[in-house]
Amino acid sequence: MMQLRENFKQYVRHKKDENDLERHRHGQKPYKNLFSYYRATRQFLANRYYKNRGKQPWENYEQTTEV
């Protein structure tokens, strides 16, 4: 299972706030909620986060079991 990093979640919230202001200025409706914003812009956000922070936006928490 993959988990989003807490810093990435904060980054997405910040970007949605910026996006809401920009959309308002242009007379557009903002995204309904954070989830709909994330789903619509997921790849853009992940690429931007990686470019700015040098980290992947998710961590892999899968555990391997030894037999």
Protein backbone atom coordinates (compact mmCIF):
# COMPACT_ATOMS: atom_id res chain seq x y z
CA MET A 1 0.00 0.00 0.00
CA MET A 2 1.23 3.49 -0.75
CA GLN A 3 0.74 6.36 1.66
CA LEU A 4 1.01 10.03 0.81
CA ARG A 5 3.65 11.90 2.77
CA GLU A 6 2.22 14.36 5.30
CA ASN A 7 4.27 17.17 3.73
CA PHE A 8 2.74 16.36 0.35
CA LYS A 9 -0.77 16.54 1.83
CA GLN A 10 0.03 19.98 3.21
CA TYR A 11 1.47 20.98 -0.18
CA VAL A 12 -1.77 19.91 -1.91
CA ARG A 13 -3.89 21.90 0.57
CA HIS A 14 -1.74 24.97 -0.03
CA LYS A 15 -1.94 24.60 -3.81
CA LYS A 16 -5.73 24.17 -3.66
CA ASP A 17 -6.03 27.40 -1.66
CA GLU A 18 -3.94 29.21 -4.28
CA ASN A 19 -5.99 27.63 -7.05
CA ASP A 20 -9.28 28.66 -5.42
CA LEU A 21 -8.14 32.29 -5.32
CA GLU A 22 -6.99 32.20 -8.93
CA ARG A 23 -10.23 30.59 -10.12
CA HIS A 24 -12.25 33.19 -8.19
CA ARG A 25 -10.31 36.02 -9.86
CA HIS A 26 -11.16 34.55 -13.27
CA GLY A 27 -14.83 34.02 -12.45
CA GLN A 28 -14.57 30.23 -12.31
CA LYS A 29 -16.04 27.95 -9.67
CA PRO A 30 -13.47 26.47 -7.30
CA TYR A 31 -13.10 22.72 -6.94
CA LYS A 32 -15.78 21.29 -4.67
CA ASN A 33 -13.31 19.85 -2.16
CA LEU A 34 -9.69 18.87 -1.67
CA PHE A 35 -10.24 15.36 -2.98
CA SER A 36 -11.76 16.52 -6.28
CA TYR A 37 -8.89 19.00 -6.72
CA TYR A 38 -6.33 16.27 -6.04
CA ARG A 39 -7.97 13.82 -8.45
CA ALA A 40 -8.07 16.41 -11.24
CA THR A 41 -4.46 17.60 -10.78
CA ARG A 42 -2.71 14.59 -9.26
CA GLN A 43 0.07 14.19 -11.84
CA PHE A 44 0.78 17.92 -12.01
CA LEU A 45 1.01 18.15 -8.21
CA ALA A 46 3.25 15.08 -7.92
CA ASN A 47 5.62 16.38 -10.61
CA ARG A 48 5.76 19.86 -9.08
CA TYR A 49 6.34 18.49 -5.58
CA TYR A 50 9.16 16.25 -6.80
CA LYS A 51 10.74 19.11 -8.77
CA ASN A 52 10.59 21.51 -5.79
CA ARG A 53 11.41 19.11 -2.98
CA GLY A 54 13.39 16.33 -4.63
CA LYS A 55 11.17 13.69 -2.99
CA GLN A 56 8.45 11.41 -4.20
CA PRO A 57 5.06 12.45 -2.80
CA TRP A 58 4.38 8.98 -1.44
CA GLU A 59 6.04 6.36 0.66
CA ASN A 60 5.73 2.63 0.18
CA TYR A 61 4.62 0.96 3.38
CA GLU A 62 4.28 -2.54 1.99
CA GLN A 63 6.01 -5.07 4.13
CA THR A 64 7.50 -8.15 2.66
CA THR A 65 6.99 -11.35 4.59
CA GLU A 66 9.76 -13.82 4.72
CA VAL A 67 8.80 -17.45 4.30
